Amino acid sequence: MNLSWEFNGKKAESNTKSGKTTVSPTEMKYSPFVNPNEILGNYVDFSIPWSLNLGFTYSRLSSFVVAIAGYQTNQSAVLNAKGDINLTPKWKIGFTSGYDFINHDYTYTSIDFYRDLHCWEMRMNWIPFGTRQGWNFTIAVKASMLQDLKYELRNDYRNRITY
């Protein structure tokens, strides 16, 4: 069962001639198997000064998922919050977090920073706690033709895996 609400600030006039699709930092899909900084083809929408998405999900989990996640129960009731705000016309900060009321645990939490540097862009993703704790920092060229021209720093859970 899912319920969700979306709130947005007033959208400014945008240039539709560019044909670029825009994605806010919190709309980017993060996966434990993909470096978030590899998603550089997305453009951040600075025309919306803020957005907030709230969602509530109640689910019954399979016993396989319960065993892997380490939960004591096969139920989950999660309140999620995602949002972003323009600090200036070229700075945007986003966040994602949530809380599971049945398992008394926080869900994936991330804070995202984005800076438009004209032909370049700077992104930082910080996961402050949890099993995937760490950060990613990238400065890259915006042009898709030069997408491999970038500087990356990373310190995340994959650096701490021991066998």
N, C-alpha and C. Protein backbone atom coordinates (compact mmCIF):
# COMPACT_ATOMS: atom_id res chain seq x y z
N MET A 1 0.85 -1.16 0.00
CA MET A 1 0.00 0.00 0.00
C MET A 1 0.90 1.23 0.00
N ASN A 2 0.64 2.15 -0.89
CA ASN A 2 1.44 3.37 -1.00
C ASN A 2 0.55 4.59 -1.01
N LEU A 3 0.98 5.62 -0.31
CA LEU A 3 0.36 6.94 -0.36
C LEU A 3 1.50 7.94 -0.59
N SER A 4 1.27 8.95 -1.41
CA SER A 4 2.32 9.93 -1.62
C SER A 4 1.74 11.31 -1.87
N TRP A 5 2.52 12.32 -1.49
CA TRP A 5 2.16 13.71 -1.67
C TRP A 5 3.36 14.44 -2.25
N GLU A 6 3.09 15.38 -3.15
CA GLU A 6 4.17 16.15 -3.77
C GLU A 6 3.86 17.63 -3.65
N PHE A 7 4.84 18.40 -3.20
CA PHE A 7 4.71 19.85 -3.07
C PHE A 7 5.87 20.49 -3.82
N ASN A 8 5.59 21.53 -4.61
CA ASN A 8 6.62 22.22 -5.37
C ASN A 8 6.49 23.72 -5.21
N GLY A 9 7.62 24.40 -5.28
CA GLY A 9 7.61 25.86 -5.30
C GLY A 9 7.18 26.32 -6.67
N LYS A 10 6.94 27.60 -6.82
CA LYS A 10 6.51 28.17 -8.09
C LYS A 10 7.59 27.97 -9.14
N LYS A 11 7.22 27.42 -10.29
CA LYS A 11 8.18 27.17 -11.37
C LYS A 11 8.39 28.45 -12.17
N ALA A 12 9.65 28.80 -12.35
CA ALA A 12 10.01 29.97 -13.15
C ALA A 12 9.94 29.61 -14.63
N GLU A 13 9.97 30.63 -15.48
CA GLU A 13 9.98 30.38 -16.92
C GLU A 13 11.26 29.65 -17.29
N SER A 14 11.13 28.66 -18.18
CA SER A 14 12.32 27.91 -18.58
C SER A 14 12.49 27.97 -20.08
N ASN A 15 13.68 27.67 -20.53
CA ASN A 15 14.00 27.66 -21.94
C ASN A 15 13.71 26.27 -22.48
N THR A 16 12.62 26.12 -23.24
CA THR A 16 12.25 24.81 -23.76
C THR A 16 12.94 24.50 -25.09
N LYS A 17 13.67 25.44 -25.66
CA LYS A 17 14.34 25.20 -26.93
C LYS A 17 15.54 24.28 -26.79
N SER A 18 16.09 24.18 -25.58
CA SER A 18 17.30 23.37 -25.42
C SER A 18 17.01 21.88 -25.58
N GLY A 19 15.79 21.45 -25.26
CA GLY A 19 15.43 20.04 -25.42
C GLY A 19 16.05 19.14 -24.37
N LYS A 20 16.64 19.70 -23.32
CA LYS A 20 17.27 18.88 -22.29
C LYS A 20 16.22 18.43 -21.29
N THR A 21 16.33 17.18 -20.88
CA THR A 21 15.47 16.72 -19.81
C THR A 21 16.10 17.12 -18.50
N THR A 22 15.27 17.49 -17.54
CA THR A 22 15.80 17.94 -16.26
C THR A 22 15.40 16.98 -15.16
N VAL A 23 16.32 16.76 -14.25
CA VAL A 23 16.10 15.85 -13.13
C VAL A 23 16.68 16.49 -11.89
N SER A 24 15.90 16.54 -10.82
CA SER A 24 16.44 17.10 -9.58
C SER A 24 17.36 16.07 -8.95
N PRO A 25 18.31 16.50 -8.10
CA PRO A 25 19.23 15.55 -7.49
C PRO A 25 18.53 14.44 -6.73
N THR A 26 17.38 14.75 -6.11
CA THR A 26 16.69 13.71 -5.35
C THR A 26 15.92 12.74 -6.24
N GLU A 27 15.71 13.08 -7.51
CA GLU A 27 15.03 12.17 -8.42
C GLU A 27 15.97 11.17 -9.06
N MET A 28 17.28 11.40 -8.94
CA MET A 28 18.24 10.46 -9.50
C MET A 28 18.17 9.14 -8.76
N LYS A 29 18.27 8.07 -9.47
CA LYS A 29 18.17 6.75 -8.87
C LYS A 29 19.54 6.31 -8.37
N TYR A 30 19.63 6.03 -7.08
CA TYR A 30 20.86 5.55 -6.48
C TYR A 30 20.72 4.08 -6.19
N SER A 31 21.74 3.33 -6.43
CA SER A 31 21.74 1.89 -6.24
C SER A 31 23.01 1.50 -5.51
N PRO A 32 22.96 0.47 -4.68
CA PRO A 32 24.19 0.05 -4.02
C PRO A 32 25.22 -0.51 -4.99
N PHE A 33 24.81 -0.81 -6.22
CA PHE A 33 25.71 -1.42 -7.19
C PHE A 33 26.21 -0.44 -8.23
N VAL A 34 25.70 0.79 -8.22
CA VAL A 34 26.08 1.79 -9.21
C VAL A 34 26.59 3.02 -8.49
N ASN A 35 27.70 3.55 -8.94
CA ASN A 35 28.24 4.78 -8.39
C ASN A 35 27.31 5.92 -8.79
N PRO A 36 26.74 6.68 -7.83
CA PRO A 36 25.81 7.75 -8.19
C PRO A 36 26.44 8.78 -9.12
N ASN A 37 27.74 8.93 -9.08
CA ASN A 37 28.39 9.91 -9.94
C ASN A 37 28.46 9.47 -11.40
N GLU A 38 28.10 8.22 -11.69
CA GLU A 38 28.07 7.77 -13.07
C GLU A 38 26.82 8.27 -13.78
N ILE A 39 25.89 8.87 -13.06
CA ILE A 39 24.65 9.35 -13.64
C ILE A 39 24.84 10.81 -14.01
N LEU A 40 25.74 11.10 -14.93
CA LEU A 40 26.05 12.49 -15.27
C LEU A 40 25.27 12.99 -16.47
N GLY A 41 24.48 12.15 -17.10
CA GLY A 41 23.70 12.58 -18.25
C GLY A 41 22.46 13.35 -17.85
N ASN A 42 22.11 13.40 -16.58
CA ASN A 42 20.93 14.10 -16.10
C ASN A 42 21.25 15.57 -15.87
N TYR A 43 20.27 16.43 -16.13
CA TYR A 43 20.42 17.85 -15.89
C TYR A 43 19.54 18.23 -14.70
N VAL A 44 20.04 19.08 -13.85
CA VAL A 44 19.30 19.51 -12.68
C VAL A 44 18.38 20.65 -13.06
N ASP A 45 17.14 20.61 -12.60
CA ASP A 45 16.16 21.63 -12.92
C ASP A 45 16.21 22.75 -11.89
N PHE A 46 16.82 23.87 -12.27
CA PHE A 46 16.92 25.01 -11.36
C PHE A 46 15.69 25.91 -11.45
N SER A 47 14.74 25.60 -12.33
CA SER A 47 13.57 26.46 -12.47
C SER A 47 12.56 26.24 -11.36
N ILE A 48 12.65 25.15 -10.62
CA ILE A 48 11.78 24.90 -9.47
C ILE A 48 12.59 25.21 -8.22
N PRO A 49 12.23 26.25 -7.45
CA PRO A 49 13.06 26.66 -6.32
C PRO A 49 13.09 25.66 -5.17
N TRP A 50 12.05 24.85 -5.01
CA TRP A 50 12.06 23.82 -3.98
C TRP A 50 11.01 22.76 -4.31
N SER A 51 11.23 21.58 -3.77
CA SER A 51 10.24 20.51 -3.91
C SER A 51 10.32 19.62 -2.68
N LEU A 52 9.20 19.03 -2.32
CA LEU A 52 9.12 18.10 -1.20
C LEU A 52 8.16 16.99 -1.56
N ASN A 53 8.63 15.76 -1.46
CA ASN A 53 7.80 14.59 -1.71
C ASN A 53 7.74 13.77 -0.44
N LEU A 54 6.54 13.48 0.02
CA LEU A 54 6.33 12.65 1.19
C LEU A 54 5.61 11.39 0.76
N GLY A 55 5.98 10.28 1.32
CA GLY A 55 5.33 9.02 0.96
C GLY A 55 5.25 8.10 2.16
N PHE A 56 4.19 7.32 2.18
CA PHE A 56 4.03 6.31 3.22
C PHE A 56 3.80 4.98 2.53
N THR A 57 4.55 3.96 2.93
CA THR A 57 4.43 2.63 2.34
C THR A 57 4.28 1.59 3.43
N TYR A 58 3.25 0.76 3.30
CA TYR A 58 3.10 -0.39 4.19
C TYR A 58 3.26 -1.63 3.32
N SER A 59 4.12 -2.54 3.76
CA SER A 59 4.34 -3.75 2.95
C SER A 59 4.61 -4.95 3.83
N ARG A 60 4.34 -6.08 3.27
CA ARG A 60 4.69 -7.36 3.90
C ARG A 60 5.83 -7.92 3.07
N LEU A 61 6.93 -8.22 3.71
CA LEU A 61 8.13 -8.67 3.03
C LEU A 61 8.19 -10.18 2.98
N SER A 62 8.86 -10.70 1.96
CA SER A 62 9.07 -12.14 1.88
C SER A 62 10.08 -12.57 2.95
N SER A 63 10.08 -13.82 3.32
CA SER A 63 11.00 -14.30 4.35
C SER A 63 12.46 -14.19 3.89
N PHE A 64 12.71 -14.25 2.57
CA PHE A 64 14.06 -14.10 2.03
C PHE A 64 14.60 -12.70 2.31
N VAL A 65 13.77 -11.68 2.05
CA VAL A 65 14.17 -10.29 2.28
C VAL A 65 14.37 -10.04 3.77
N VAL A 66 13.51 -10.61 4.60
CA VAL A 66 13.61 -10.45 6.05
C VAL A 66 14.95 -11.00 6.54
N ALA A 67 15.37 -12.16 6.03
CA ALA A 67 16.63 -12.77 6.44
C ALA A 67 17.83 -11.93 6.02
N ILE A 68 17.81 -11.38 4.81
CA ILE A 68 18.93 -10.58 4.31
C ILE A 68 19.01 -9.25 5.04
N ALA A 69 17.88 -8.57 5.24
CA ALA A 69 17.89 -7.25 5.86
C ALA A 69 18.07 -7.33 7.37
N GLY A 70 17.85 -8.47 7.96
CA GLY A 70 18.04 -8.63 9.40
C GLY A 70 16.87 -8.13 10.23
N TYR A 71 15.70 -7.94 9.61
CA TYR A 71 14.54 -7.48 10.36
C TYR A 71 13.97 -8.61 11.21
N GLN A 72 13.31 -8.23 12.29
CA GLN A 72 12.68 -9.20 13.17
C GLN A 72 11.28 -9.57 12.71
N THR A 73 10.70 -8.79 11.84
CA THR A 73 9.33 -9.01 11.38
C THR A 73 9.28 -8.94 9.86
N ASN A 74 8.20 -9.45 9.29
CA ASN A 74 8.07 -9.42 7.83
C ASN A 74 7.20 -8.25 7.37
N GLN A 75 6.97 -7.28 8.23
CA GLN A 75 6.17 -6.11 7.88
C GLN A 75 7.03 -4.86 7.93
N SER A 76 6.60 -3.87 7.17
CA SER A 76 7.33 -2.61 7.12
C SER A 76 6.32 -1.48 6.94
N ALA A 77 6.46 -0.41 7.71
CA ALA A 77 5.63 0.79 7.57
C ALA A 77 6.59 1.98 7.53
N VAL A 78 6.84 2.49 6.35
CA VAL A 78 7.89 3.49 6.15
C VAL A 78 7.30 4.83 5.72
N LEU A 79 7.74 5.89 6.39
CA LEU A 79 7.44 7.25 5.98
C LEU A 79 8.70 7.80 5.33
N ASN A 80 8.64 8.13 4.03
CA ASN A 80 9.79 8.64 3.28
C ASN A 80 9.63 10.13 3.01
N ALA A 81 10.74 10.83 2.95
CA ALA A 81 10.76 12.24 2.58
C ALA A 81 11.89 12.47 1.60
N LYS A 82 11.60 13.17 0.50
CA LYS A 82 12.60 13.55 -0.49
C LYS A 82 12.34 15.01 -0.83
N GLY A 83 13.40 15.76 -0.98
CA GLY A 83 13.21 17.15 -1.33
C GLY A 83 14.47 17.79 -1.82
N ASP A 84 14.33 18.99 -2.35
CA ASP A 84 15.49 19.77 -2.74
C ASP A 84 15.12 21.25 -2.71
N ILE A 85 16.16 22.07 -2.64
CA ILE A 85 15.97 23.51 -2.58
C ILE A 85 17.12 24.20 -3.32
N ASN A 86 16.78 25.28 -4.03
CA ASN A 86 17.80 26.10 -4.68
C ASN A 86 18.29 27.12 -3.66
N LEU A 87 19.57 27.06 -3.31
CA LEU A 87 20.12 28.07 -2.43
C LEU A 87 20.41 29.36 -3.19
N THR A 88 20.91 29.21 -4.41
CA THR A 88 21.16 30.32 -5.32
C THR A 88 20.75 29.81 -6.71
N PRO A 89 20.83 30.66 -7.73
CA PRO A 89 20.48 30.17 -9.07
C PRO A 89 21.37 29.03 -9.58
N LYS A 90 22.52 28.79 -8.96
CA LYS A 90 23.40 27.73 -9.44
C LYS A 90 23.73 26.67 -8.39
N TRP A 91 23.20 26.79 -7.18
CA TRP A 91 23.41 25.81 -6.11
C TRP A 91 22.09 25.14 -5.78
N LYS A 92 22.11 23.82 -5.67
CA LYS A 92 20.92 23.06 -5.29
C LYS A 92 21.33 22.00 -4.27
N ILE A 93 20.53 21.83 -3.23
CA ILE A 93 20.76 20.81 -2.21
C ILE A 93 19.52 19.92 -2.16
N GLY A 94 19.74 18.62 -2.10
CA GLY A 94 18.64 17.68 -2.02
C GLY A 94 18.85 16.68 -0.89
N PHE A 95 17.79 16.01 -0.48
CA PHE A 95 17.90 15.01 0.56
C PHE A 95 16.88 13.90 0.33
N THR A 96 17.18 12.74 0.88
CA THR A 96 16.29 11.59 0.87
C THR A 96 16.45 10.91 2.22
N SER A 97 15.34 10.59 2.87
CA SER A 97 15.40 9.88 4.14
C SER A 97 14.04 9.27 4.43
N GLY A 98 13.99 8.47 5.47
CA GLY A 98 12.74 7.86 5.88
C GLY A 98 12.90 7.11 7.19
N TYR A 99 11.77 6.70 7.74
CA TYR A 99 11.80 5.96 9.00
C TYR A 99 10.77 4.83 8.93
N ASP A 100 11.20 3.63 9.35
CA ASP A 100 10.33 2.46 9.41
C ASP A 100 9.78 2.35 10.83
N PHE A 101 8.47 2.56 11.00
CA PHE A 101 7.86 2.58 12.32
C PHE A 101 7.71 1.19 12.94
N ILE A 102 7.65 0.14 12.15
CA ILE A 102 7.52 -1.21 12.70
C ILE A 102 8.88 -1.75 13.13
N ASN A 103 9.90 -1.59 12.30
CA ASN A 103 11.24 -2.09 12.60
C ASN A 103 12.11 -1.09 13.36
N HIS A 104 11.59 0.11 13.60
CA HIS A 104 12.29 1.16 14.35
C HIS A 104 13.70 1.38 13.79
N ASP A 105 13.76 1.69 12.49
CA ASP A 105 15.04 1.88 11.82
C ASP A 105 14.90 2.95 10.74
N TYR A 106 15.96 3.71 10.51
CA TYR A 106 15.98 4.69 9.43
C TYR A 106 16.21 3.98 8.11
N THR A 107 15.63 4.51 7.05
CA THR A 107 15.86 3.97 5.71
C THR A 107 17.07 4.68 5.11
N TYR A 108 17.35 4.35 3.86
CA TYR A 108 18.47 4.98 3.14
C TYR A 108 18.35 6.50 3.25
N THR A 109 19.42 7.13 3.71
CA THR A 109 19.45 8.58 3.88
C THR A 109 20.61 9.14 3.08
N SER A 110 20.34 10.19 2.32
CA SER A 110 21.37 10.79 1.48
C SER A 110 21.15 12.29 1.39
N ILE A 111 22.25 13.03 1.35
CA ILE A 111 22.22 14.47 1.16
C ILE A 111 23.04 14.75 -0.10
N ASP A 112 22.46 15.50 -1.03
CA ASP A 112 23.07 15.72 -2.33
C ASP A 112 23.31 17.22 -2.56
N PHE A 113 24.49 17.54 -3.05
CA PHE A 113 24.85 18.92 -3.37
C PHE A 113 25.14 18.99 -4.87
N TYR A 114 24.66 20.04 -5.52
CA TYR A 114 24.91 20.22 -6.95
C TYR A 114 25.24 21.68 -7.21
N ARG A 115 26.27 21.92 -8.02
CA ARG A 115 26.66 23.27 -8.40
C ARG A 115 26.86 23.32 -9.91
N ASP A 116 26.17 24.25 -10.55
CA ASP A 116 26.32 24.48 -11.98
C ASP A 116 27.51 25.39 -12.18
N LEU A 117 28.52 24.92 -12.91
CA LEU A 117 29.73 25.69 -13.18
C LEU A 117 29.82 26.08 -14.65
N HIS A 118 28.70 26.45 -15.25
CA HIS A 118 28.55 26.82 -16.65
C HIS A 118 28.75 25.59 -17.55
N CYS A 119 29.93 25.33 -18.05
CA CYS A 119 30.17 24.17 -18.90
C CYS A 119 30.50 22.92 -18.09
N TRP A 120 30.73 23.10 -16.81
CA TRP A 120 31.08 22.01 -15.91
C TRP A 120 29.98 21.89 -14.85
N GLU A 121 30.02 20.80 -14.12
CA GLU A 121 29.11 20.64 -12.99
C GLU A 121 29.83 19.93 -11.85
N MET A 122 29.43 20.26 -10.65
CA MET A 122 30.00 19.64 -9.47
C MET A 122 28.86 18.96 -8.71
N ARG A 123 29.09 17.72 -8.30
CA ARG A 123 28.10 16.96 -7.54
C ARG A 123 28.77 16.32 -6.33
N MET A 124 28.05 16.32 -5.22
CA MET A 124 28.51 15.60 -4.05
C MET A 124 27.32 14.89 -3.44
N ASN A 125 27.49 13.62 -3.16
CA ASN A 125 26.47 12.80 -2.52
C ASN A 125 27.05 12.29 -1.22
N TRP A 126 26.34 12.52 -0.11
CA TRP A 126 26.81 12.11 1.22
C TRP A 126 25.76 11.23 1.87
N ILE A 127 26.16 10.04 2.28
CA ILE A 127 25.29 9.12 3.02
C ILE A 127 25.83 9.10 4.44
N PRO A 128 25.17 9.81 5.38
CA PRO A 128 25.76 10.03 6.70
C PRO A 128 25.80 8.81 7.62
N PHE A 129 24.89 7.85 7.45
CA PHE A 129 24.89 6.68 8.33
C PHE A 129 24.26 5.50 7.61
N GLY A 130 24.40 4.33 8.22
CA GLY A 130 23.86 3.11 7.62
C GLY A 130 24.96 2.26 7.02
N THR A 131 24.57 1.15 6.43
CA THR A 131 25.55 0.22 5.86
C THR A 131 26.23 0.78 4.62
N ARG A 132 25.59 1.73 3.93
CA ARG A 132 26.18 2.31 2.73
C ARG A 132 26.78 3.69 3.00
N GLN A 133 27.19 3.95 4.22
CA GLN A 133 27.74 5.23 4.64
C GLN A 133 28.96 5.59 3.79
N GLY A 134 29.05 6.86 3.40
CA GLY A 134 30.18 7.32 2.62
C GLY A 134 29.84 8.58 1.85
N TRP A 135 30.72 8.94 0.90
CA TRP A 135 30.48 10.11 0.08
C TRP A 135 31.10 9.93 -1.30
N ASN A 136 30.57 10.68 -2.27
CA ASN A 136 31.07 10.71 -3.64
C ASN A 136 31.16 12.17 -4.06
N PHE A 137 32.24 12.54 -4.73
CA PHE A 137 32.43 13.89 -5.21
C PHE A 137 32.89 13.83 -6.66
N THR A 138 32.26 14.63 -7.53
CA THR A 138 32.61 14.63 -8.96
C THR A 138 32.57 16.05 -9.51
N ILE A 139 33.55 16.37 -10.31
CA ILE A 139 33.51 17.56 -11.17
C ILE A 139 33.63 17.02 -12.58
N ALA A 140 32.66 17.39 -13.44
CA ALA A 140 32.63 16.82 -14.79
C ALA A 140 32.15 17.85 -15.81
N VAL A 141 32.50 17.60 -17.05
CA VAL A 141 32.02 18.40 -18.17
C VAL A 141 30.56 18.04 -18.41
N LYS A 142 29.73 19.03 -18.69
CA LYS A 142 28.31 18.78 -18.94
C LYS A 142 28.05 18.12 -20.29
N ALA A 143 28.85 18.44 -21.29
CA ALA A 143 28.61 17.94 -22.64
C ALA A 143 28.67 16.41 -22.66
N SER A 144 27.63 15.79 -23.19
CA SER A 144 27.58 14.32 -23.22
C SER A 144 28.70 13.73 -24.06
N MET A 145 29.17 14.48 -25.03
CA MET A 145 30.25 14.00 -25.89
C MET A 145 31.56 13.85 -25.11
N LEU A 146 31.70 14.64 -24.04
CA LEU A 146 32.91 14.61 -23.22
C LEU A 146 32.62 14.06 -21.82
N GLN A 147 31.66 13.17 -21.70
CA GLN A 147 31.23 12.68 -20.39
C GLN A 147 32.33 11.95 -19.62
N ASP A 148 33.34 11.46 -20.30
CA ASP A 148 34.43 10.76 -19.62
C ASP A 148 35.46 11.72 -19.03
N LEU A 149 35.35 13.01 -19.33
CA LEU A 149 36.26 14.01 -18.79
C LEU A 149 35.72 14.47 -17.44
N LYS A 150 36.25 13.85 -16.36
CA LYS A 150 35.75 14.15 -15.03
C LYS A 150 36.80 13.81 -13.99
N TYR A 151 36.61 14.37 -12.81
CA TYR A 151 37.47 14.10 -11.66
C TYR A 151 36.57 13.57 -10.56
N GLU A 152 36.91 12.40 -10.02
CA GLU A 152 36.06 11.77 -9.01
C GLU A 152 36.86 11.40 -7.76
N LEU A 153 36.23 11.59 -6.63
CA LEU A 153 36.74 11.10 -5.35
C LEU A 153 35.60 10.33 -4.70
N ARG A 154 35.94 9.24 -4.03
CA ARG A 154 34.90 8.43 -3.41
C ARG A 154 35.44 7.80 -2.14
N ASN A 155 34.60 7.77 -1.13
CA ASN A 155 34.89 7.05 0.10
C ASN A 155 33.56 6.46 0.55
N ASP A 156 33.36 5.18 0.29
CA ASP A 156 32.08 4.58 0.64
C ASP A 156 32.26 3.17 1.17
N TYR A 157 31.16 2.48 1.35
CA TYR A 157 31.16 1.16 1.98
C TYR A 157 31.99 0.14 1.19
N ARG A 158 32.14 0.33 -0.11
CA ARG A 158 32.92 -0.63 -0.90
C ARG A 158 34.40 -0.57 -0.54
N ASN A 159 34.86 0.56 0.00
CA ASN A 159 36.26 0.67 0.43
C ASN A 159 36.51 -0.07 1.75
N ARG A 160 35.45 -0.35 2.50
CA ARG A 160 35.60 -0.95 3.82
C ARG A 160 35.28 -2.44 3.85
N ILE A 161 34.99 -3.05 2.72
CA ILE A 161 34.65 -4.48 2.69
C ILE A 161 35.92 -5.30 2.92
N THR A 162 35.85 -6.21 3.86
CA THR A 162 36.97 -7.10 4.14
C THR A 162 36.51 -8.54 3.96
N TYR A 163 37.40 -9.38 3.50
CA TYR A 163 37.05 -10.78 3.26
C TYR A 163 37.84 -11.67 4.18
